[in-house]
Amino acid sequence: MPKDLSHSISLKCDPDRAQALRDIYPAIRGGYHLNKKHWNTILFDGSVPTSEIESQIDHSYQQVVKGLRKIDRDALVLRYGSLD
């Protein structure tokens, strides 16, 4: 992992999808200082298309929300509307 991670983001990911993305993009690696099974770190070096990064942000949000207690998910829906 490079020493300079100032241009990167770590996102939660389904384990199978996480590995597939690492196989496709060298700039996507196991989460830096995170559980590498469930997290990816994306280096912003220009090699990962913006649309893929946006898709991964949406997927990460869904993964995190899925892990919340029902009461917390319901509170998000009340505050922001649909979680989709």
C-alpha atoms as a PDB file:
ATOM      1  CA  MET A   1       0.000   0.000   0.000  1.00  0.00           C
ATOM      2  CA  PRO A   2       1.422   3.393  -0.901  1.00  0.00           C
ATOM      3  CA  LYS A   3       2.414   5.701   1.905  1.00  0.00           C
ATOM      4  CA  ASP A   4       0.346   8.575   0.478  1.00  0.00           C
ATOM      5  CA  LEU A   5      -3.328   7.712   0.760  1.00  0.00           C
ATOM      6  CA  SER A   6      -4.469  11.336   0.703  1.00  0.00           C
ATOM      7  CA  HIS A   7      -6.150  10.690  -2.652  1.00  0.00           C
ATOM      8  CA  SER A   8      -8.132   7.596  -1.815  1.00  0.00           C
ATOM      9  CA  ILE A   9     -11.395   6.436  -0.294  1.00  0.00           C
ATOM     10  CA  SER A  10     -12.277   3.294   1.629  1.00  0.00           C
ATOM     11  CA  LEU A  11     -15.706   1.795   0.990  1.00  0.00           C
ATOM     12  CA  LYS A  12     -17.599  -1.157   2.422  1.00  0.00           C
ATOM     13  CA  CYS A  13     -18.292  -3.864  -0.135  1.00  0.00           C
ATOM     14  CA  ASP A  14     -19.854  -7.305  -0.485  1.00  0.00           C
ATOM     15  CA  PRO A  15     -16.911  -9.758  -0.156  1.00  0.00           C
ATOM     16  CA  ASP A  16     -17.343 -11.387  -3.589  1.00  0.00           C
ATOM     17  CA  ARG A  17     -17.751  -8.038  -5.315  1.00  0.00           C
ATOM     18  CA  ALA A  18     -14.781  -6.629  -3.378  1.00  0.00           C
ATOM     19  CA  GLN A  19     -12.479  -9.340  -4.674  1.00  0.00           C
ATOM     20  CA  ALA A  20     -13.795  -9.068  -8.230  1.00  0.00           C
ATOM     21  CA  LEU A  21     -13.089  -5.326  -8.262  1.00  0.00           C
ATOM     22  CA  ARG A  22      -9.548  -5.923  -6.973  1.00  0.00           C
ATOM     23  CA  ASP A  23      -9.013  -8.427  -9.765  1.00  0.00           C
ATOM     24  CA  ILE A  24     -10.168  -5.892 -12.386  1.00  0.00           C
ATOM     25  CA  TYR A  25      -8.575  -2.657 -11.115  1.00  0.00           C
ATOM     26  CA  PRO A  26      -5.043  -2.477  -9.687  1.00  0.00           C
ATOM     27  CA  ALA A  27      -6.016   0.809  -7.963  1.00  0.00           C
ATOM     28  CA  ILE A  28      -8.618  -1.023  -5.857  1.00  0.00           C
ATOM     29  CA  ARG A  29      -7.070  -2.887  -2.957  1.00  0.00           C
ATOM     30  CA  GLY A  30      -8.120  -4.437   0.300  1.00  0.00           C
ATOM     31  CA  GLY A  31      -9.185  -1.780   2.802  1.00  0.00           C
ATOM     32  CA  TYR A  32      -6.213  -0.002   4.325  1.00  0.00           C
ATOM     33  CA  HIS A  33      -6.261  -0.715   8.081  1.00  0.00           C
ATOM     34  CA  LEU A  34      -9.745  -2.233   7.685  1.00  0.00           C
ATOM     35  CA  ASN A  35     -11.223  -5.723   7.375  1.00  0.00           C
ATOM     36  CA  LYS A  36     -10.034  -6.561   3.862  1.00  0.00           C
ATOM     37  CA  LYS A  37     -12.879  -9.027   3.361  1.00  0.00           C
ATOM     38  CA  HIS A  38     -15.510  -6.265   3.583  1.00  0.00           C
ATOM     39  CA  TRP A  39     -13.661  -3.062   2.669  1.00  0.00           C
ATOM     40  CA  ASN A  40     -11.830  -1.769  -0.409  1.00  0.00           C
ATOM     41  CA  THR A  41      -9.569   1.238  -0.704  1.00  0.00           C
ATOM     42  CA  ILE A  42      -9.750   2.981  -4.077  1.00  0.00           C
ATOM     43  CA  LEU A  43      -6.724   5.040  -5.076  1.00  0.00           C
ATOM     44  CA  PHE A  44      -7.650   8.063  -7.184  1.00  0.00           C
ATOM     45  CA  ASP A  45      -5.017   7.591  -9.860  1.00  0.00           C
ATOM     46  CA  GLY A  46      -7.392   7.991 -12.818  1.00  0.00           C
ATOM     47  CA  SER A  47      -7.536   4.298 -13.686  1.00  0.00           C
ATOM     48  CA  VAL A  48     -10.942   3.590 -12.113  1.00  0.00           C
ATOM     49  CA  PRO A  49     -13.810   5.197 -14.062  1.00  0.00           C
ATOM     50  CA  THR A  50     -15.797   7.826 -12.181  1.00  0.00           C
ATOM     51  CA  SER A  51     -18.992   5.876 -12.829  1.00  0.00           C
ATOM     52  CA  GLU A  52     -17.477   2.824 -11.084  1.00  0.00           C
ATOM     53  CA  ILE A  53     -16.426   4.908  -8.080  1.00  0.00           C
ATOM     54  CA  GLU A  54     -19.926   6.399  -7.845  1.00  0.00           C
ATOM     55  CA  SER A  55     -21.420   2.914  -8.069  1.00  0.00           C
ATOM     56  CA  GLN A  56     -19.126   1.753  -5.265  1.00  0.00           C
ATOM     57  CA  ILE A  57     -20.135   4.708  -3.059  1.00  0.00           C
ATOM     58  CA  ASP A  58     -23.815   3.800  -3.534  1.00  0.00           C
ATOM     59  CA  HIS A  59     -23.080   0.125  -2.842  1.00  0.00           C
ATOM     60  CA  SER A  60     -21.110   1.023   0.285  1.00  0.00           C
ATOM     61  CA  TYR A  61     -23.968   3.143   1.610  1.00  0.00           C
ATOM     62  CA  GLN A  62     -26.382   0.267   1.053  1.00  0.00           C
ATOM     63  CA  GLN A  63     -24.049  -2.165   2.832  1.00  0.00           C
ATOM     64  CA  VAL A  64     -23.716   0.112   5.855  1.00  0.00           C
ATOM     65  CA  VAL A  65     -27.455   0.826   6.063  1.00  0.00           C
ATOM     66  CA  LYS A  66     -28.212  -2.893   5.767  1.00  0.00           C
ATOM     67  CA  GLY A  67     -26.162  -3.463   8.923  1.00  0.00           C
ATOM     68  CA  LEU A  68     -28.045  -0.876  10.982  1.00  0.00           C
ATOM     69  CA  ARG A  69     -30.724  -1.724  13.492  1.00  0.00           C
ATOM     70  CA  LYS A  70     -34.254  -1.467  12.080  1.00  0.00           C
ATOM     71  CA  ILE A  71     -35.029   1.532  14.277  1.00  0.00           C
ATOM     72  CA  ASP A  72     -31.999   3.365  12.865  1.00  0.00           C
ATOM     73  CA  ARG A  73     -32.937   2.464   9.277  1.00  0.00           C
ATOM     74  CA  ASP A  74     -36.478   3.703   9.927  1.00  0.00           C
ATOM     75  CA  ALA A  75     -35.099   6.970  11.326  1.00  0.00           C
ATOM     76  CA  LEU A  76     -33.099   7.481   8.111  1.00  0.00           C
ATOM     77  CA  VAL A  77     -36.222   6.926   6.031  1.00  0.00           C
ATOM     78  CA  LEU A  78     -38.154   9.454   8.111  1.00  0.00           C
ATOM     79  CA  ARG A  79     -35.401  12.015   7.774  1.00  0.00           C
ATOM     80  CA  TYR A  80     -34.280  11.503   4.160  1.00  0.00           C
ATOM     81  CA  GLY A  81     -36.971   9.448   2.454  1.00  0.00           C
ATOM     82  CA  SER A  82     -36.327   6.204   0.606  1.00  0.00           C
ATOM     83  CA  LEU A  83     -32.975   4.507   1.194  1.00  0.00           C
ATOM     84  CA  ASP A  84     -32.706   3.298  -2.424  1.00  0.00           C
END
